[in-house]
């Protein structure tokens, strides 16, 4: 008689060893077979596909960042931060880079999420503000036209929404799905694979047809014993099939079959029948509150499931803003001086110059920089499991601070700059 113990509520046989790769986290339990012997049972839950969630339109992000940068730069200029850095021994470019690091730090960790989350109002049951605006569907040019002016207008809308296609990365084919491999000490013991599928209620008829194809395929596999359907979980609409094999080797051979991808895993034919979350549901659960993180989504791609770490967003955006300033000073700024715009009202010229800087940041320097550092920016699930990712200060650097500290940090910046501004005045 074998020793048994209870682990996390699952009765397992300590004489059996389950070796599962990183892709497979399914538990193994023991079931009573027909002859009284124990059968190893594995669970294969078809993962729900995540629909592609596009980032907010670039022109929306551009406007929000423009508003925020204007007020942050205004207080920094009046507080004399640049002259203070120059007096401290930095050159002009170094002083501006340090200023950008401070400003972007305040905006990424505090300001932008407060601005998007709080600047909204409810009128007659409808929300108005930055966040409802970002959640609205993207504009799509529905009709094709050969008219020259219509083509120009359609191109302008496409660029405003998605940016310049020159910064779109090349399409990389998806890697083939990993083959799950199960292992037991007793290679001859009968095994059961419980395939679970959480279905879309509107796809039940299509799923029934699919099940017939699945059973036909299983019957052609060596070592296959039977396929039995368990009672449907009405609450979650989860359908479970018990696929019995003579031993674990036969199960692994079936898992490696080319048709398994389409019939049992969450790919191919089955994928369209699963109860995948809607894009609107994903946006409501994870609203686009950080415009700088959304801006660093690669053009032509959907937003990642895990947002990039905030300290990486902070550094990359600061560098992109510094490059944008160099380009503006070498090009547009000369025309501002030539046309006499520098002698305008100081606040009006600040608004125009910051608008040009933010346009360059959103549409040129950030997409170009992101092409170089995208692999570094990608956040992988295993990084969240690292011990340092859950302690101070790394957790705050990766995920940001809580709303009260955001308000304190944002207020501290403006109050500090305001005090220095008042003393200088």
Foldseek 3Di string as FASTA:
>chain_A
DFDWDADPNAIDTPQKDKDKDPVDPWDWHWDQDPVRDIAIETEAEFDADADFFAFFFLLLLLVLVLVLCLVLVVLCVLLPQQVVVVVVPDDNLVSLLVSLLVSLVLCLQFNQLCQQVVAWDADPNDIDGSQVVRLDDQDDDDDDDPDPVVVVVNVVSCCRGFFDCVLFDDDDDDDDDDQIAIDIPPQQGKYKYKFKAQFDVVCVVVVVVLVVVVQVVLVPQPQWDDKDWDDADVVRRMTIIITIGRGRVSVSVVSPDPCCQCRGHCDNVNNVGGPHDDNSVVCVVPPPRRSLQSLLDAGPGGADPDTFFSLVSSVLLSVLLSVLVVVCVVPVVVVCVVVVVVVPDPSVSSSVSSSSSSCCSRRPSSSVSSVVCVVVRDDDPVVCVDPVCPDPPNVCRGPHDDNVVSVVSNVCSSVVSVVSSVVVD
